[in-house]
Amino acid sequence: MSDFRSRTQRATIHDVARVAGVSIGTVSRVLNGHGRTGPQTRERVNNAVQMLGYRVNTVAQSMRRQTTNTIALLVHDITIQIFASAAAAAQDVLERAGYMLVLASSGPEPNSEASAIRILSQRRMDGLIGFFRREDEPETVEALREFDGAIVLFDREMDVRADVVLTDHASGMTRATKHLLDQGHRSIALIGAATHIYPGRERMRGFVEAFQGYALQPPIELARTHAVDVDYGFRETSSLLSNTPRPTAIIAATSQVLEGAIAAIRQAGLRVPQDVSLVSFDDSPLARMVVPPITVISRSVTQMGTMAAEMILERLRAGRDQPPQKVVLPTEIVLRQSCGPIHS
């Protein structure tokens, strides 16, 4: 019988110690880089590890250390490009710090976010970065309060103890609206500023404050705030353009709404910006490549992902007793050819 385990059996730390002729404690010190061991001893241990194909049991190791070196990033729609960009930036930061990023998607079903949070908690995630669909779901709030780890909220304000990274949506929307007002537009529609979440509330606030700054009555009747997807953008743009008089400018609150708005404008046989001016929130390949290219309220989603990862690492280092942090990142206006003066 061979003195070594067959390939169908997993080698244990006991096997490594036996083959190397050392104690289990010595093997542990060599593998973990702790304590003093001589070069010959390390060589024997490493040779035994390679010969046996030994793999460290990371689950058992994490149970001893009470940490898994994993951070979950939970999004409500994995197909949205800004989430992918933020996830890539966060992963770069976390990998350099020795952490793995686990990407999870909750889906549109009621309480799916709460279920996802609880599953991630069972998997012993050290931290959670959350992009939530809503802020007011009681089950989601309760699951976050029960989560045993660091939490960073991405562009959300929720009644939980968490660090938060936000975008200054209001000032960006104010500048974009004022740009249209300066060109003579007064009938300006806003589509997709879903006010049940922080970005939508702040975009609506910026829209209203722009009109108020010019001593004008905001056209709240032209605001459409119930959803942020492509179909909603198409449907609401089509409806607005069928009005008499129709809006002279449209602000799409998301890149998905922009896609639907462009399709509706084309179907109506109208031109941008000759017949209707168009602005979008968040830059995208569509906004840059469509003819004419679209003026956008831009933010650095990469910077937000980086900041979220840095904040969660700081929370893990500092502990839970430190007060939560809130960071608000700026926006800027990128002027392109989709806005023009109103024609009489």
C-alpha atoms as a PDB file:
ATOM      1  CA  MET A   1       0.000   0.000   0.000  1.00  0.00           C
ATOM      2  CA  SER A   2       1.284   3.450  -0.870  1.00  0.00           C
ATOM      3  CA  ASP A   3       2.379   5.593   2.092  1.00  0.00           C
ATOM      4  CA  PHE A   4       0.562   8.573   0.559  1.00  0.00           C
ATOM      5  CA  ARG A   5      -3.131   9.224   0.185  1.00  0.00           C
ATOM      6  CA  SER A   6      -4.738   8.494  -3.145  1.00  0.00           C
ATOM      7  CA  ARG A   7      -5.731  11.356  -5.378  1.00  0.00           C
ATOM      8  CA  THR A   8      -9.378  10.788  -4.451  1.00  0.00           C
ATOM      9  CA  GLN A   9      -8.616  11.744  -0.837  1.00  0.00           C
ATOM     10  CA  ARG A  10      -7.791  15.256   0.265  1.00  0.00           C
ATOM     11  CA  ALA A  11      -4.490  15.584   2.122  1.00  0.00           C
ATOM     12  CA  THR A  12      -4.697  17.019   5.614  1.00  0.00           C
ATOM     13  CA  ILE A  13      -2.323  19.094   7.677  1.00  0.00           C
ATOM     14  CA  HIS A  14      -1.560  15.893   9.609  1.00  0.00           C
ATOM     15  CA  ASP A  15      -0.310  14.277   6.379  1.00  0.00           C
ATOM     16  CA  VAL A  16       1.911  17.272   5.638  1.00  0.00           C
ATOM     17  CA  ALA A  17       3.392  17.143   9.152  1.00  0.00           C
ATOM     18  CA  ARG A  18       4.045  13.386   8.863  1.00  0.00           C
ATOM     19  CA  VAL A  19       5.733  13.612   5.459  1.00  0.00           C
ATOM     20  CA  ALA A  20       7.806  16.664   6.437  1.00  0.00           C
ATOM     21  CA  GLY A  21       8.766  15.097   9.772  1.00  0.00           C
ATOM     22  CA  VAL A  22       7.610  18.111  11.810  1.00  0.00           C
ATOM     23  CA  SER A  23       4.782  18.984  14.170  1.00  0.00           C
ATOM     24  CA  ILE A  24       1.368  20.242  13.077  1.00  0.00           C
ATOM     25  CA  GLY A  25       2.148  23.556  14.764  1.00  0.00           C
ATOM     26  CA  THR A  26       5.292  23.940  12.652  1.00  0.00           C
ATOM     27  CA  VAL A  27       3.312  23.301   9.457  1.00  0.00           C
ATOM     28  CA  SER A  28       0.773  25.930  10.534  1.00  0.00           C
ATOM     29  CA  ARG A  29       3.505  28.493  11.209  1.00  0.00           C
ATOM     30  CA  VAL A  30       5.116  27.881   7.810  1.00  0.00           C
ATOM     31  CA  LEU A  31       1.826  28.093   5.904  1.00  0.00           C
ATOM     32  CA  ASN A  32       0.662  31.221   7.725  1.00  0.00           C
ATOM     33  CA  GLY A  33       4.045  32.948   7.794  1.00  0.00           C
ATOM     34  CA  HIS A  34       3.897  33.312  11.570  1.00  0.00           C
ATOM     35  CA  GLY A  35       6.681  32.548  14.027  1.00  0.00           C
ATOM     36  CA  ARG A  36      10.253  31.500  13.374  1.00  0.00           C
ATOM     37  CA  THR A  37      11.149  28.452  11.350  1.00  0.00           C
ATOM     38  CA  GLY A  38      14.468  27.591   9.785  1.00  0.00           C
ATOM     39  CA  PRO A  39      14.947  27.531   5.996  1.00  0.00           C
ATOM     40  CA  GLN A  40      15.420  23.746   5.905  1.00  0.00           C
ATOM     41  CA  THR A  41      12.200  23.209   7.857  1.00  0.00           C
ATOM     42  CA  ARG A  42      10.275  25.544   5.544  1.00  0.00           C
ATOM     43  CA  GLU A  43      11.666  23.704   2.534  1.00  0.00           C
ATOM     44  CA  ARG A  44      10.589  20.298   3.924  1.00  0.00           C
ATOM     45  CA  VAL A  45       7.096  21.595   4.666  1.00  0.00           C
ATOM     46  CA  ASN A  46       6.725  23.232   1.250  1.00  0.00           C
ATOM     47  CA  ASN A  47       7.975  20.104  -0.505  1.00  0.00           C
ATOM     48  CA  ALA A  48       5.443  18.000   1.422  1.00  0.00           C
ATOM     49  CA  VAL A  49       2.655  20.434   0.533  1.00  0.00           C
ATOM     50  CA  GLN A  50       3.552  20.215  -3.154  1.00  0.00           C
ATOM     51  CA  MET A  51       3.941  16.421  -3.104  1.00  0.00           C
ATOM     52  CA  LEU A  52       0.580  15.863  -1.420  1.00  0.00           C
ATOM     53  CA  GLY A  53      -1.274  18.586  -3.271  1.00  0.00           C
ATOM     54  CA  TYR A  54      -2.357  20.002   0.077  1.00  0.00           C
ATOM     55  CA  ARG A  55      -4.779  22.918   0.023  1.00  0.00           C
ATOM     56  CA  VAL A  56      -5.503  25.138   2.985  1.00  0.00           C
ATOM     57  CA  ASN A  57      -9.064  24.735   4.287  1.00  0.00           C
ATOM     58  CA  THR A  58     -10.097  28.365   3.974  1.00  0.00           C
ATOM     59  CA  VAL A  59     -13.527  27.707   5.508  1.00  0.00           C
ATOM     60  CA  ALA A  60     -12.022  26.300   8.706  1.00  0.00           C
ATOM     61  CA  GLN A  61      -9.404  29.041   8.694  1.00  0.00           C
ATOM     62  CA  SER A  62     -12.052  31.750   8.387  1.00  0.00           C
ATOM     63  CA  MET A  63     -14.048  30.210  11.254  1.00  0.00           C
ATOM     64  CA  ARG A  64     -10.996  30.414  13.496  1.00  0.00           C
ATOM     65  CA  ARG A  65     -10.234  33.982  12.496  1.00  0.00           C
ATOM     66  CA  GLN A  66     -13.898  35.095  12.436  1.00  0.00           C
ATOM     67  CA  THR A  67     -13.289  36.662   9.024  1.00  0.00           C
ATOM     68  CA  THR A  68     -13.584  35.479   5.411  1.00  0.00           C
ATOM     69  CA  ASN A  69     -11.816  38.318   3.574  1.00  0.00           C
ATOM     70  CA  THR A  70     -14.812  38.607   1.275  1.00  0.00           C
ATOM     71  CA  ILE A  71     -16.953  41.653   0.532  1.00  0.00           C
ATOM     72  CA  ALA A  72     -20.338  41.359  -1.168  1.00  0.00           C
ATOM     73  CA  LEU A  73     -21.555  43.898  -3.704  1.00  0.00           C
ATOM     74  CA  LEU A  74     -25.321  43.618  -4.031  1.00  0.00           C
ATOM     75  CA  VAL A  75     -27.089  45.248  -6.984  1.00  0.00           C
ATOM     76  CA  HIS A  76     -30.744  45.202  -7.993  1.00  0.00           C
ATOM     77  CA  ASP A  77     -30.059  44.922 -11.739  1.00  0.00           C
ATOM     78  CA  ILE A  78     -26.776  43.443 -12.880  1.00  0.00           C
ATOM     79  CA  THR A  79     -27.322  44.591 -16.477  1.00  0.00           C
ATOM     80  CA  ILE A  80     -26.994  48.317 -15.658  1.00  0.00           C
ATOM     81  CA  GLN A  81     -23.610  49.572 -16.848  1.00  0.00           C
ATOM     82  CA  ILE A  82     -22.921  51.944 -13.939  1.00  0.00           C
ATOM     83  CA  PHE A  83     -23.039  48.995 -11.540  1.00  0.00           C
ATOM     84  CA  ALA A  84     -20.488  47.083 -13.604  1.00  0.00           C
ATOM     85  CA  SER A  85     -18.147  50.090 -13.687  1.00  0.00           C
ATOM     86  CA  ALA A  86     -18.459  50.628  -9.941  1.00  0.00           C
ATOM     87  CA  ALA A  87     -17.917  46.916  -9.264  1.00  0.00           C
ATOM     88  CA  ALA A  88     -14.721  46.858 -11.349  1.00  0.00           C
ATOM     89  CA  ALA A  89     -13.325  49.867  -9.482  1.00  0.00           C
ATOM     90  CA  ALA A  90     -14.236  48.391  -6.086  1.00  0.00           C
ATOM     91  CA  GLN A  91     -12.671  45.061  -7.016  1.00  0.00           C
ATOM     92  CA  ASP A  92      -9.338  46.718  -7.826  1.00  0.00           C
ATOM     93  CA  VAL A  93      -9.199  48.321  -4.373  1.00  0.00           C
ATOM     94  CA  LEU A  94     -10.328  45.232  -2.485  1.00  0.00           C
ATOM     95  CA  GLU A  95      -7.987  42.823  -4.280  1.00  0.00           C
ATOM     96  CA  ARG A  96      -4.995  44.986  -3.412  1.00  0.00           C
ATOM     97  CA  ALA A  97      -6.078  44.767   0.233  1.00  0.00           C
ATOM     98  CA  GLY A  98      -6.377  40.972   0.096  1.00  0.00           C
ATOM     99  CA  TYR A  99     -10.159  40.783  -0.164  1.00  0.00           C
ATOM    100  CA  MET A 100     -12.362  39.019  -2.704  1.00  0.00           C
ATOM    101  CA  LEU A 101     -15.395  40.807  -4.139  1.00  0.00           C
ATOM    102  CA  VAL A 102     -18.542  38.677  -4.471  1.00  0.00           C
ATOM    103  CA  LEU A 103     -21.114  40.105  -6.887  1.00  0.00           C
ATOM    104  CA  ALA A 104     -24.770  39.345  -6.162  1.00  0.00           C
ATOM    105  CA  SER A 105     -27.997  40.435  -7.874  1.00  0.00           C
ATOM    106  CA  SER A 106     -31.304  40.600  -6.026  1.00  0.00           C
ATOM    107  CA  GLY A 107     -33.829  40.821  -8.877  1.00  0.00           C
ATOM    108  CA  PRO A 108     -37.177  42.664  -9.036  1.00  0.00           C
ATOM    109  CA  GLU A 109     -39.288  40.409  -6.778  1.00  0.00           C
ATOM    110  CA  PRO A 110     -40.667  41.859  -3.517  1.00  0.00           C
ATOM    111  CA  ASN A 111     -38.290  41.361  -0.569  1.00  0.00           C
ATOM    112  CA  SER A 112     -35.656  39.810  -2.861  1.00  0.00           C
ATOM    113  CA  GLU A 113     -33.101  42.282  -1.520  1.00  0.00           C
ATOM    114  CA  ALA A 114     -33.791  41.245   2.077  1.00  0.00           C
ATOM    115  CA  SER A 115     -33.434  37.578   1.107  1.00  0.00           C
ATOM    116  CA  ALA A 116     -30.139  38.274  -0.657  1.00  0.00           C
ATOM    117  CA  ILE A 117     -28.771  40.173   2.355  1.00  0.00           C
ATOM    118  CA  ARG A 118     -29.614  37.286   4.686  1.00  0.00           C
ATOM    119  CA  ILE A 119     -28.009  34.731   2.365  1.00  0.00           C
ATOM    120  CA  LEU A 120     -24.849  36.827   2.178  1.00  0.00           C
ATOM    121  CA  SER A 121     -24.856  37.117   5.964  1.00  0.00           C
ATOM    122  CA  GLN A 122     -25.064  33.315   6.244  1.00  0.00           C
ATOM    123  CA  ARG A 123     -22.061  33.117   3.925  1.00  0.00           C
ATOM    124  CA  ARG A 124     -20.168  35.201   6.509  1.00  0.00           C
ATOM    125  CA  MET A 125     -19.350  38.156   4.289  1.00  0.00           C
ATOM    126  CA  ASP A 126     -17.096  40.640   6.118  1.00  0.00           C
ATOM    127  CA  GLY A 127     -18.893  43.548   4.500  1.00  0.00           C
ATOM    128  CA  LEU A 128     -21.641  44.578   2.108  1.00  0.00           C
ATOM    129  CA  ILE A 129     -21.804  47.355  -0.493  1.00  0.00           C
ATOM    130  CA  GLY A 130     -25.455  47.851  -1.428  1.00  0.00           C
ATOM    131  CA  PHE A 131     -27.113  49.319  -4.535  1.00  0.00           C
ATOM    132  CA  PHE A 132     -30.751  48.906  -3.517  1.00  0.00           C
ATOM    133  CA  ARG A 133     -33.860  49.287  -5.649  1.00  0.00           C
ATOM    134  CA  ARG A 134     -35.792  51.016  -2.872  1.00  0.00           C
ATOM    135  CA  GLU A 135     -34.963  52.679   0.419  1.00  0.00           C
ATOM    136  CA  ASP A 136     -38.266  52.104   2.216  1.00  0.00           C
ATOM    137  CA  GLU A 137     -38.715  48.315   2.135  1.00  0.00           C
ATOM    138  CA  PRO A 138     -39.126  47.303   5.808  1.00  0.00           C
ATOM    139  CA  GLU A 139     -37.742  43.804   5.196  1.00  0.00           C
ATOM    140  CA  THR A 140     -34.608  45.195   3.542  1.00  0.00           C
ATOM    141  CA  VAL A 141     -34.023  47.668   6.361  1.00  0.00           C
ATOM    142  CA  GLU A 142     -34.468  44.922   8.956  1.00  0.00           C
ATOM    143  CA  ALA A 143     -32.075  42.590   7.118  1.00  0.00           C
ATOM    144  CA  LEU A 144     -29.440  45.321   6.974  1.00  0.00           C
ATOM    145  CA  ARG A 145     -29.795  45.994  10.686  1.00  0.00           C
ATOM    146  CA  GLU A 146     -29.253  42.286  11.335  1.00  0.00           C
ATOM    147  CA  PHE A 147     -26.265  42.001   8.983  1.00  0.00           C
ATOM    148  CA  ASP A 148     -23.165  41.139  10.997  1.00  0.00           C
ATOM    149  CA  GLY A 149     -20.566  43.096   9.064  1.00  0.00           C
ATOM    150  CA  ALA A 150     -19.560  46.462   7.645  1.00  0.00           C
ATOM    151  CA  ILE A 151     -22.072  48.171   5.348  1.00  0.00           C
ATOM    152  CA  VAL A 152     -21.629  50.879   2.711  1.00  0.00           C
ATOM    153  CA  LEU A 153     -24.691  52.242   0.915  1.00  0.00           C
ATOM    154  CA  PHE A 154     -24.180  53.358  -2.667  1.00  0.00           C
ATOM    155  CA  ASP A 155     -26.295  56.435  -3.486  1.00  0.00           C
ATOM    156  CA  ARG A 156     -28.988  55.542  -0.972  1.00  0.00           C
ATOM    157  CA  GLU A 157     -30.239  57.061   2.278  1.00  0.00           C
ATOM    158  CA  MET A 158     -31.687  54.415   4.620  1.00  0.00           C
ATOM    159  CA  ASP A 159     -32.473  54.182   8.306  1.00  0.00           C
ATOM    160  CA  VAL A 160     -29.558  51.863   9.113  1.00  0.00           C
ATOM    161  CA  ARG A 161     -26.112  52.337  10.605  1.00  0.00           C
ATOM    162  CA  ALA A 162     -23.894  52.423   7.528  1.00  0.00           C
ATOM    163  CA  ASP A 163     -21.294  54.461   5.727  1.00  0.00           C
ATOM    164  CA  VAL A 164     -22.647  56.177   2.614  1.00  0.00           C
ATOM    165  CA  VAL A 165     -21.194  57.367  -0.690  1.00  0.00           C
ATOM    166  CA  LEU A 166     -23.516  59.735  -2.552  1.00  0.00           C
ATOM    167  CA  THR A 167     -23.599  61.806  -5.735  1.00  0.00           C
ATOM    168  CA  ASP A 168     -24.457  65.499  -5.737  1.00  0.00           C
ATOM    169  CA  HIS A 169     -27.410  64.932  -8.067  1.00  0.00           C
ATOM    170  CA  ALA A 170     -29.204  68.165  -7.205  1.00  0.00           C
ATOM    171  CA  SER A 171     -26.486  70.595  -8.273  1.00  0.00           C
ATOM    172  CA  GLY A 172     -25.898  68.703 -11.516  1.00  0.00           C
ATOM    173  CA  MET A 173     -29.602  68.797 -12.356  1.00  0.00           C
ATOM    174  CA  THR A 174     -29.788  72.479 -11.448  1.00  0.00           C
ATOM    175  CA  ARG A 175     -26.942  73.359 -13.816  1.00  0.00           C
ATOM    176  CA  ALA A 176     -28.421  71.309 -16.665  1.00  0.00           C
ATOM    177  CA  THR A 177     -31.872  72.847 -16.213  1.00  0.00           C
ATOM    178  CA  LYS A 178     -30.431  76.352 -16.076  1.00  0.00           C
ATOM    179  CA  HIS A 179     -28.561  75.629 -19.303  1.00  0.00           C
ATOM    180  CA  LEU A 180     -31.902  74.930 -20.983  1.00  0.00           C
ATOM    181  CA  LEU A 181     -33.575  77.926 -19.350  1.00  0.00           C
ATOM    182  CA  ASP A 182     -30.781  80.170 -20.621  1.00  0.00           C
ATOM    183  CA  GLN A 183     -31.612  78.997 -24.142  1.00  0.00           C
ATOM    184  CA  GLY A 184     -35.206  80.086 -23.729  1.00  0.00           C
ATOM    185  CA  HIS A 185     -36.830  76.775 -22.798  1.00  0.00           C
ATOM    186  CA  ARG A 186     -39.649  76.880 -20.290  1.00  0.00           C
ATOM    187  CA  SER A 187     -41.607  73.737 -21.152  1.00  0.00           C
ATOM    188  CA  ILE A 188     -39.021  71.231 -19.895  1.00  0.00           C
ATOM    189  CA  ALA A 189     -39.986  67.645 -19.100  1.00  0.00           C
ATOM    190  CA  LEU A 190     -38.162  65.435 -16.589  1.00  0.00           C
ATOM    191  CA  ILE A 191     -38.531  61.674 -17.062  1.00  0.00           C
ATOM    192  CA  GLY A 192     -37.403  58.937 -14.700  1.00  0.00           C
ATOM    193  CA  ALA A 193     -36.512  60.787 -11.491  1.00  0.00           C
ATOM    194  CA  ALA A 194     -37.948  58.055  -9.255  1.00  0.00           C
ATOM    195  CA  THR A 195     -38.507  59.920  -6.011  1.00  0.00           C
ATOM    196  CA  HIS A 196     -38.607  56.828  -3.760  1.00  0.00           C
ATOM    197  CA  ILE A 197     -34.786  56.798  -3.835  1.00  0.00           C
ATOM    198  CA  TYR A 198     -32.183  59.454  -3.073  1.00  0.00           C
ATOM    199  CA  PRO A 199     -31.026  60.123  -6.678  1.00  0.00           C
ATOM    200  CA  GLY A 200     -34.573  60.762  -7.885  1.00  0.00           C
ATOM    201  CA  ARG A 201     -35.449  63.028  -4.973  1.00  0.00           C
ATOM    202  CA  GLU A 202     -32.285  65.061  -5.422  1.00  0.00           C
ATOM    203  CA  ARG A 203     -32.700  65.338  -9.200  1.00  0.00           C
ATOM    204  CA  MET A 204     -36.257  66.574  -8.725  1.00  0.00           C
ATOM    205  CA  ARG A 205     -35.037  69.069  -6.116  1.00  0.00           C
ATOM    206  CA  GLY A 206     -32.381  70.402  -8.487  1.00  0.00           C
ATOM    207  CA  PHE A 207     -34.920  70.683 -11.304  1.00  0.00           C
ATOM    208  CA  VAL A 208     -37.340  72.693  -9.143  1.00  0.00           C
ATOM    209  CA  GLU A 209     -34.618  74.933  -7.690  1.00  0.00           C
ATOM    210  CA  ALA A 210     -33.385  75.873 -11.173  1.00  0.00           C
ATOM    211  CA  PHE A 211     -36.796  77.294 -12.074  1.00  0.00           C
ATOM    212  CA  GLN A 212     -37.166  78.982  -8.708  1.00  0.00           C
ATOM    213  CA  GLY A 213     -33.779  80.619  -9.186  1.00  0.00           C
ATOM    214  CA  TYR A 214     -35.215  82.321 -12.280  1.00  0.00           C
ATOM    215  CA  ALA A 215     -38.439  83.221 -10.423  1.00  0.00           C
ATOM    216  CA  LEU A 216     -40.328  80.761 -12.649  1.00  0.00           C
ATOM    217  CA  GLN A 217     -42.980  78.199 -11.760  1.00  0.00           C
ATOM    218  CA  PRO A 218     -41.536  74.677 -12.159  1.00  0.00           C
ATOM    219  CA  PRO A 219     -43.572  72.609 -14.670  1.00  0.00           C
ATOM    220  CA  ILE A 220     -44.243  69.764 -12.226  1.00  0.00           C
ATOM    221  CA  GLU A 221     -46.983  68.478 -14.547  1.00  0.00           C
ATOM    222  CA  LEU A 222     -44.213  67.543 -17.007  1.00  0.00           C
ATOM    223  CA  ALA A 223     -42.333  65.395 -14.459  1.00  0.00           C
ATOM    224  CA  ARG A 224     -42.629  61.616 -14.820  1.00  0.00           C
ATOM    225  CA  THR A 225     -41.208  59.899 -11.726  1.00  0.00           C
ATOM    226  CA  HIS A 226     -42.459  56.313 -11.502  1.00  0.00           C
ATOM    227  CA  ALA A 227     -39.716  54.247 -13.179  1.00  0.00           C
ATOM    228  CA  VAL A 228     -36.257  54.443 -14.768  1.00  0.00           C
ATOM    229  CA  ASP A 229     -36.224  51.769 -17.497  1.00  0.00           C
ATOM    230  CA  VAL A 230     -36.157  51.906 -21.297  1.00  0.00           C
ATOM    231  CA  ASP A 231     -39.850  51.105 -21.788  1.00  0.00           C
ATOM    232  CA  TYR A 232     -40.877  53.798 -19.337  1.00  0.00           C
ATOM    233  CA  GLY A 233     -38.663  56.329 -21.132  1.00  0.00           C
ATOM    234  CA  PHE A 234     -40.221  55.443 -24.476  1.00  0.00           C
ATOM    235  CA  ARG A 235     -43.804  55.434 -23.218  1.00  0.00           C
ATOM    236  CA  GLU A 236     -43.610  58.701 -21.294  1.00  0.00           C
ATOM    237  CA  THR A 237     -41.672  60.514 -24.018  1.00  0.00           C
ATOM    238  CA  SER A 238     -44.236  59.419 -26.607  1.00  0.00           C
ATOM    239  CA  SER A 239     -47.042  60.625 -24.371  1.00  0.00           C
ATOM    240  CA  LEU A 240     -45.424  64.008 -23.742  1.00  0.00           C
ATOM    241  CA  LEU A 241     -44.653  64.565 -27.416  1.00  0.00           C
ATOM    242  CA  SER A 242     -48.302  63.947 -28.306  1.00  0.00           C
ATOM    243  CA  ASN A 243     -49.361  66.894 -26.141  1.00  0.00           C
ATOM    244  CA  THR A 244     -50.240  70.294 -27.582  1.00  0.00           C
ATOM    245  CA  PRO A 245     -48.086  72.186 -27.038  1.00  0.00           C
ATOM    246  CA  ARG A 246     -45.383  69.594 -26.598  1.00  0.00           C
ATOM    247  CA  PRO A 247     -42.307  70.116 -24.380  1.00  0.00           C
ATOM    248  CA  THR A 248     -39.418  71.903 -26.075  1.00  0.00           C
ATOM    249  CA  ALA A 249     -36.820  70.040 -23.993  1.00  0.00           C
ATOM    250  CA  ILE A 250     -36.574  66.705 -22.185  1.00  0.00           C
ATOM    251  CA  ILE A 251     -34.226  65.636 -19.394  1.00  0.00           C
ATOM    252  CA  ALA A 252     -33.796  61.865 -19.142  1.00  0.00           C
ATOM    253  CA  ALA A 253     -32.893  60.998 -15.560  1.00  0.00           C
ATOM    254  CA  THR A 254     -31.055  57.756 -16.455  1.00  0.00           C
ATOM    255  CA  SER A 255     -29.223  56.325 -19.454  1.00  0.00           C
ATOM    256  CA  GLN A 256     -31.985  53.693 -19.788  1.00  0.00           C
ATOM    257  CA  VAL A 257     -34.644  56.398 -19.992  1.00  0.00           C
ATOM    258  CA  LEU A 258     -32.470  58.187 -22.563  1.00  0.00           C
ATOM    259  CA  GLU A 259     -32.543  55.103 -24.805  1.00  0.00           C
ATOM    260  CA  GLY A 260     -36.329  55.024 -24.704  1.00  0.00           C
ATOM    261  CA  ALA A 261     -36.599  58.788 -25.216  1.00  0.00           C
ATOM    262  CA  ILE A 262     -34.415  58.731 -28.333  1.00  0.00           C
ATOM    263  CA  ALA A 263     -36.521  55.934 -29.818  1.00  0.00           C
ATOM    264  CA  ALA A 264     -39.744  57.863 -29.108  1.00  0.00           C
ATOM    265  CA  ILE A 265     -38.393  61.101 -30.595  1.00  0.00           C
ATOM    266  CA  ARG A 266     -37.374  59.305 -33.764  1.00  0.00           C
ATOM    267  CA  GLN A 267     -40.690  57.497 -34.034  1.00  0.00           C
ATOM    268  CA  ALA A 268     -42.455  60.872 -33.767  1.00  0.00           C
ATOM    269  CA  GLY A 269     -40.367  62.149 -36.696  1.00  0.00           C
ATOM    270  CA  LEU A 270     -38.777  64.901 -34.611  1.00  0.00           C
ATOM    271  CA  ARG A 271     -35.208  66.161 -34.669  1.00  0.00           C
ATOM    272  CA  VAL A 272     -32.742  66.829 -31.851  1.00  0.00           C
ATOM    273  CA  PRO A 273     -32.170  69.677 -31.086  1.00  0.00           C
ATOM    274  CA  GLN A 274     -34.204  71.475 -33.791  1.00  0.00           C
ATOM    275  CA  ASP A 275     -37.559  70.187 -32.531  1.00  0.00           C
ATOM    276  CA  VAL A 276     -36.712  69.089 -28.999  1.00  0.00           C
ATOM    277  CA  SER A 277     -33.557  69.529 -26.922  1.00  0.00           C
ATOM    278  CA  LEU A 278     -32.339  66.522 -24.949  1.00  0.00           C
ATOM    279  CA  VAL A 279     -30.225  66.064 -21.806  1.00  0.00           C
ATOM    280  CA  SER A 280     -29.380  62.881 -19.901  1.00  0.00           C
ATOM    281  CA  PHE A 281     -28.008  61.971 -16.496  1.00  0.00           C
ATOM    282  CA  ASP A 282     -24.911  59.713 -16.621  1.00  0.00           C
ATOM    283  CA  ASP A 283     -22.633  59.527 -19.606  1.00  0.00           C
ATOM    284  CA  SER A 284     -22.814  56.383 -21.719  1.00  0.00           C
ATOM    285  CA  PRO A 285     -21.670  55.027 -25.099  1.00  0.00           C
ATOM    286  CA  LEU A 286     -25.144  55.808 -26.442  1.00  0.00           C
ATOM    287  CA  ALA A 287     -24.956  59.436 -25.320  1.00  0.00           C
ATOM    288  CA  ARG A 288     -21.535  59.858 -26.918  1.00  0.00           C
ATOM    289  CA  MET A 289     -22.169  58.018 -30.183  1.00  0.00           C
ATOM    290  CA  VAL A 290     -25.739  58.952 -31.148  1.00  0.00           C
ATOM    291  CA  VAL A 291     -26.149  61.794 -33.667  1.00  0.00           C
ATOM    292  CA  PRO A 292     -26.157  64.418 -32.357  1.00  0.00           C
ATOM    293  CA  PRO A 293     -24.250  63.437 -29.199  1.00  0.00           C
ATOM    294  CA  ILE A 294     -26.195  64.104 -25.996  1.00  0.00           C
ATOM    295  CA  THR A 295     -25.417  66.709 -23.355  1.00  0.00           C
ATOM    296  CA  VAL A 296     -25.077  64.856 -20.046  1.00  0.00           C
ATOM    297  CA  ILE A 297     -24.836  65.394 -16.317  1.00  0.00           C
ATOM    298  CA  SER A 298     -21.763  63.282 -15.669  1.00  0.00           C
ATOM    299  CA  ARG A 299     -20.413  61.654 -12.520  1.00  0.00           C
ATOM    300  CA  SER A 300     -17.462  59.360 -11.959  1.00  0.00           C
ATOM    301  CA  VAL A 301     -18.997  55.992 -11.157  1.00  0.00           C
ATOM    302  CA  THR A 302     -15.463  54.598 -11.028  1.00  0.00           C
ATOM    303  CA  GLN A 303     -14.634  57.085  -8.276  1.00  0.00           C
ATOM    304  CA  MET A 304     -17.788  56.057  -6.419  1.00  0.00           C
ATOM    305  CA  GLY A 305     -16.834  52.376  -6.596  1.00  0.00           C
ATOM    306  CA  THR A 306     -13.321  53.154  -5.407  1.00  0.00           C
ATOM    307  CA  MET A 307     -14.638  55.282  -2.553  1.00  0.00           C
ATOM    308  CA  ALA A 308     -17.154  52.625  -1.472  1.00  0.00           C
ATOM    309  CA  ALA A 309     -14.395  49.993  -1.299  1.00  0.00           C
ATOM    310  CA  GLU A 310     -12.054  52.308   0.615  1.00  0.00           C
ATOM    311  CA  MET A 311     -14.831  53.182   3.074  1.00  0.00           C
ATOM    312  CA  ILE A 312     -15.656  49.550   3.802  1.00  0.00           C
ATOM    313  CA  LEU A 313     -11.985  48.712   4.358  1.00  0.00           C
ATOM    314  CA  GLU A 314     -11.682  51.667   6.724  1.00  0.00           C
ATOM    315  CA  ARG A 315     -14.769  50.490   8.604  1.00  0.00           C
ATOM    316  CA  LEU A 316     -13.283  47.002   8.982  1.00  0.00           C
ATOM    317  CA  ARG A 317     -10.082  48.528  10.360  1.00  0.00           C
ATOM    318  CA  ALA A 318     -11.736  51.116  12.605  1.00  0.00           C
ATOM    319  CA  GLY A 319     -14.501  48.933  14.032  1.00  0.00           C
ATOM    320  CA  ARG A 320     -18.164  49.650  14.523  1.00  0.00           C
ATOM    321  CA  ASP A 321     -17.828  52.172  17.337  1.00  0.00           C
ATOM    322  CA  GLN A 322     -16.665  54.933  15.013  1.00  0.00           C
ATOM    323  CA  PRO A 323     -19.488  57.178  13.709  1.00  0.00           C
ATOM    324  CA  PRO A 324     -20.698  56.493  10.150  1.00  0.00           C
ATOM    325  CA  GLN A 325     -19.136  58.503   7.342  1.00  0.00           C
ATOM    326  CA  LYS A 326     -20.914  60.189   4.432  1.00  0.00           C
ATOM    327  CA  VAL A 327     -19.098  61.295   1.284  1.00  0.00           C
ATOM    328  CA  VAL A 328     -20.798  63.318  -1.470  1.00  0.00           C
ATOM    329  CA  LEU A 329     -19.047  63.275  -4.858  1.00  0.00           C
ATOM    330  CA  PRO A 330     -19.508  66.014  -7.482  1.00  0.00           C
ATOM    331  CA  THR A 331     -21.157  66.057 -10.894  1.00  0.00           C
ATOM    332  CA  GLU A 332     -20.309  68.055 -14.000  1.00  0.00           C
ATOM    333  CA  ILE A 333     -22.073  69.094 -17.190  1.00  0.00           C
ATOM    334  CA  VAL A 334     -20.676  67.824 -20.483  1.00  0.00           C
ATOM    335  CA  LEU A 335     -22.088  70.094 -23.217  1.00  0.00           C
ATOM    336  CA  ARG A 336     -22.676  68.498 -26.601  1.00  0.00           C
ATOM    337  CA  GLN A 337     -24.895  69.185 -29.604  1.00  0.00           C
ATOM    338  CA  SER A 338     -28.284  67.958 -28.304  1.00  0.00           C
ATOM    339  CA  CYS A 339     -29.385  71.307 -26.849  1.00  0.00           C
ATOM    340  CA  GLY A 340     -30.290  74.382 -28.814  1.00  0.00           C
ATOM    341  CA  PRO A 341     -32.213  77.637 -28.438  1.00  0.00           C
ATOM    342  CA  ILE A 342     -35.962  77.484 -28.572  1.00  0.00           C
ATOM    343  CA  HIS A 343     -37.462  78.316 -31.972  1.00  0.00           C
ATOM    344  CA  SER A 344     -40.531  80.513 -32.249  1.00  0.00           C
END
